Amino acid sequence: MAMNPNELFYAGYNPSPWYNGHNDYWIMRALNAEKQAEKKKQEDAKKGIIELSMPLCCEGCIMKVHKKLKPMDGVASVECDQLKQKVIVKGDANPEAVLKKARKINKRADFWKEKK
């Protein structure tokens, strides 16, 4: 026989220590919605960013990358990080076209892979 939630306390039911006697379902939904909104915001911020792994040994290499990638259609800006050997292209450009152009500059260019 199912018991009324109010009867559970009187029948010797011992609730979890985090239970405060109220239904926290709406709080959990609000927290989940907040997390989803933050995740979507991060994805939107990531949209329009193409990260490439590319050997950059000197300023000449960096200038070459800027000279070749900047005039492409949809490219807003190009940033190079010589220490990380990373090129960041911002804009609405096609990632495959950017990679193809980068491979013309240096055949070892590839998409950036996050290290976990």
C-alpha atoms as a PDB file:
ATOM      1  CA  MET A   1       0.000   0.000   0.000  1.00  0.00           C
ATOM      2  CA  ALA A   2       1.395   3.387  -1.035  1.00  0.00           C
ATOM      3  CA  MET A   3       1.820   5.880   1.718  1.00  0.00           C
ATOM      4  CA  ASN A   4       1.101   9.556   1.683  1.00  0.00           C
ATOM      5  CA  PRO A   5       4.371  11.537   1.733  1.00  0.00           C
ATOM      6  CA  ASN A   6       3.308  13.116   5.028  1.00  0.00           C
ATOM      7  CA  GLU A   7       2.820   9.690   6.577  1.00  0.00           C
ATOM      8  CA  LEU A   8       6.397   8.652   5.727  1.00  0.00           C
ATOM      9  CA  PHE A   9       7.814  10.783   8.519  1.00  0.00           C
ATOM     10  CA  TYR A  10       5.420   9.359  11.078  1.00  0.00           C
ATOM     11  CA  ALA A  11       5.968   5.759  10.007  1.00  0.00           C
ATOM     12  CA  GLY A  12       9.654   5.899  10.911  1.00  0.00           C
ATOM     13  CA  TYR A  13      10.907   6.932   7.473  1.00  0.00           C
ATOM     14  CA  ASN A  14      14.265   8.644   7.772  1.00  0.00           C
ATOM     15  CA  PRO A  15      14.874  10.990   4.817  1.00  0.00           C
ATOM     16  CA  SER A  16      18.274  11.750   3.332  1.00  0.00           C
ATOM     17  CA  PRO A  17      20.248  14.471   5.108  1.00  0.00           C
ATOM     18  CA  TRP A  18      19.883  16.843   2.126  1.00  0.00           C
ATOM     19  CA  TYR A  19      16.106  16.549   2.113  1.00  0.00           C
ATOM     20  CA  ASN A  20      14.525  19.748   3.411  1.00  0.00           C
ATOM     21  CA  GLY A  21      10.901  18.694   3.188  1.00  0.00           C
ATOM     22  CA  HIS A  22      10.152  20.537  -0.036  1.00  0.00           C
ATOM     23  CA  ASN A  23      10.056  19.463  -3.624  1.00  0.00           C
ATOM     24  CA  ASP A  24      13.274  20.801  -5.125  1.00  0.00           C
ATOM     25  CA  TYR A  25      12.361  19.666  -8.643  1.00  0.00           C
ATOM     26  CA  TRP A  26      11.786  23.213  -9.875  1.00  0.00           C
ATOM     27  CA  ILE A  27      15.166  24.301  -8.472  1.00  0.00           C
ATOM     28  CA  MET A  28      16.926  21.464 -10.273  1.00  0.00           C
ATOM     29  CA  ARG A  29      15.167  22.376 -13.524  1.00  0.00           C
ATOM     30  CA  ALA A  30      16.288  25.991 -13.139  1.00  0.00           C
ATOM     31  CA  LEU A  31      19.892  24.900 -12.510  1.00  0.00           C
ATOM     32  CA  ASN A  32      19.823  22.573 -15.524  1.00  0.00           C
ATOM     33  CA  ALA A  33      18.397  25.338 -17.710  1.00  0.00           C
ATOM     34  CA  GLU A  34      21.156  27.645 -16.474  1.00  0.00           C
ATOM     35  CA  LYS A  35      23.833  25.052 -17.328  1.00  0.00           C
ATOM     36  CA  GLN A  36      22.343  24.489 -20.773  1.00  0.00           C
ATOM     37  CA  ALA A  37      22.259  28.237 -21.436  1.00  0.00           C
ATOM     38  CA  GLU A  38      25.916  28.528 -20.420  1.00  0.00           C
ATOM     39  CA  LYS A  39      26.856  25.576 -22.639  1.00  0.00           C
ATOM     40  CA  LYS A  40      24.990  27.097 -25.592  1.00  0.00           C
ATOM     41  CA  LYS A  41      26.718  30.426 -24.960  1.00  0.00           C
ATOM     42  CA  GLN A  42      30.107  28.692 -25.089  1.00  0.00           C
ATOM     43  CA  GLU A  43      29.158  26.891 -28.321  1.00  0.00           C
ATOM     44  CA  ASP A  44      27.988  30.167 -29.869  1.00  0.00           C
ATOM     45  CA  ALA A  45      31.245  31.789 -28.842  1.00  0.00           C
ATOM     46  CA  LYS A  46      33.092  28.871 -30.436  1.00  0.00           C
ATOM     47  CA  LYS A  47      31.146  29.262 -33.691  1.00  0.00           C
ATOM     48  CA  GLY A  48      33.098  31.161 -36.246  1.00  0.00           C
ATOM     49  CA  ILE A  49      36.446  30.138 -34.763  1.00  0.00           C
ATOM     50  CA  ILE A  50      38.737  27.762 -36.626  1.00  0.00           C
ATOM     51  CA  GLU A  51      41.759  26.506 -34.723  1.00  0.00           C
ATOM     52  CA  LEU A  52      44.677  25.039 -36.640  1.00  0.00           C
ATOM     53  CA  SER A  53      47.837  23.291 -35.493  1.00  0.00           C
ATOM     54  CA  MET A  54      50.658  24.573 -37.673  1.00  0.00           C
ATOM     55  CA  PRO A  55      54.445  24.758 -37.293  1.00  0.00           C
ATOM     56  CA  LEU A  56      55.472  28.408 -36.842  1.00  0.00           C
ATOM     57  CA  CYS A  57      59.250  28.664 -36.490  1.00  0.00           C
ATOM     58  CA  CYS A  58      59.809  32.393 -37.052  1.00  0.00           C
ATOM     59  CA  GLU A  59      58.199  35.776 -37.719  1.00  0.00           C
ATOM     60  CA  GLY A  60      58.449  35.066 -41.440  1.00  0.00           C
ATOM     61  CA  CYS A  61      56.151  32.048 -41.063  1.00  0.00           C
ATOM     62  CA  ILE A  62      53.659  34.121 -39.088  1.00  0.00           C
ATOM     63  CA  MET A  63      53.679  36.890 -41.705  1.00  0.00           C
ATOM     64  CA  LYS A  64      53.175  34.295 -44.454  1.00  0.00           C
ATOM     65  CA  VAL A  65      50.157  32.835 -42.634  1.00  0.00           C
ATOM     66  CA  HIS A  66      48.637  36.301 -42.167  1.00  0.00           C
ATOM     67  CA  LYS A  67      49.318  37.230 -45.802  1.00  0.00           C
ATOM     68  CA  LYS A  68      47.678  34.073 -47.201  1.00  0.00           C
ATOM     69  CA  LEU A  69      44.726  33.573 -44.837  1.00  0.00           C
ATOM     70  CA  LYS A  70      43.578  37.160 -44.162  1.00  0.00           C
ATOM     71  CA  PRO A  71      42.284  37.902 -47.715  1.00  0.00           C
ATOM     72  CA  MET A  72      40.113  34.749 -47.820  1.00  0.00           C
ATOM     73  CA  ASP A  73      36.345  35.180 -48.012  1.00  0.00           C
ATOM     74  CA  GLY A  74      34.722  35.118 -44.569  1.00  0.00           C
ATOM     75  CA  VAL A  75      37.934  35.576 -42.574  1.00  0.00           C
ATOM     76  CA  ALA A  76      37.641  38.413 -40.058  1.00  0.00           C
ATOM     77  CA  SER A  77      40.967  37.989 -38.254  1.00  0.00           C
ATOM     78  CA  VAL A  78      43.960  35.682 -37.977  1.00  0.00           C
ATOM     79  CA  GLU A  79      45.883  35.149 -34.733  1.00  0.00           C
ATOM     80  CA  CYS A  80      49.105  33.153 -34.451  1.00  0.00           C
ATOM     81  CA  ASP A  81      50.597  31.700 -31.267  1.00  0.00           C
ATOM     82  CA  GLN A  82      54.179  30.695 -31.928  1.00  0.00           C
ATOM     83  CA  LEU A  83      54.685  29.001 -28.544  1.00  0.00           C
ATOM     84  CA  LYS A  84      51.670  26.710 -28.915  1.00  0.00           C
ATOM     85  CA  GLN A  85      52.151  26.345 -32.697  1.00  0.00           C
ATOM     86  CA  LYS A  86      48.511  27.363 -33.096  1.00  0.00           C
ATOM     87  CA  VAL A  87      46.655  29.545 -35.606  1.00  0.00           C
ATOM     88  CA  ILE A  88      43.181  30.909 -34.761  1.00  0.00           C
ATOM     89  CA  VAL A  89      41.014  32.111 -37.648  1.00  0.00           C
ATOM     90  CA  LYS A  90      37.870  34.057 -36.734  1.00  0.00           C
ATOM     91  CA  GLY A  91      34.994  34.660 -39.123  1.00  0.00           C
ATOM     92  CA  ASP A  92      32.471  32.776 -41.222  1.00  0.00           C
ATOM     93  CA  ALA A  93      34.971  31.064 -43.522  1.00  0.00           C
ATOM     94  CA  ASN A  94      34.632  27.431 -44.546  1.00  0.00           C
ATOM     95  CA  PRO A  95      36.942  25.379 -42.269  1.00  0.00           C
ATOM     96  CA  GLU A  96      37.865  22.964 -45.050  1.00  0.00           C
ATOM     97  CA  ALA A  97      38.872  25.824 -47.361  1.00  0.00           C
ATOM     98  CA  VAL A  98      40.959  27.417 -44.599  1.00  0.00           C
ATOM     99  CA  LEU A  99      42.697  24.093 -43.909  1.00  0.00           C
ATOM    100  CA  LYS A 100      43.368  23.580 -47.612  1.00  0.00           C
ATOM    101  CA  LYS A 101      44.946  27.051 -47.867  1.00  0.00           C
ATOM    102  CA  ALA A 102      46.961  26.426 -44.677  1.00  0.00           C
ATOM    103  CA  ARG A 103      48.272  23.153 -46.119  1.00  0.00           C
ATOM    104  CA  LYS A 104      49.486  25.088 -49.151  1.00  0.00           C
ATOM    105  CA  ILE A 105      51.522  27.214 -46.727  1.00  0.00           C
ATOM    106  CA  ASN A 106      52.747  24.236 -44.695  1.00  0.00           C
ATOM    107  CA  LYS A 107      51.826  20.625 -45.466  1.00  0.00           C
ATOM    108  CA  ARG A 108      51.809  19.673 -41.748  1.00  0.00           C
ATOM    109  CA  ALA A 109      48.880  21.980 -40.954  1.00  0.00           C
ATOM    110  CA  ASP A 110      45.865  20.282 -39.374  1.00  0.00           C
ATOM    111  CA  PHE A 111      42.861  21.089 -37.191  1.00  0.00           C
ATOM    112  CA  TRP A 112      43.730  21.754 -33.544  1.00  0.00           C
ATOM    113  CA  LYS A 113      43.098  18.777 -31.282  1.00  0.00           C
ATOM    114  CA  GLU A 114      42.341  19.525 -27.619  1.00  0.00           C
ATOM    115  CA  LYS A 115      44.528  17.585 -25.187  1.00  0.00           C
ATOM    116  CA  LYS A 116      42.421  16.043 -22.430  1.00  0.00           C
END
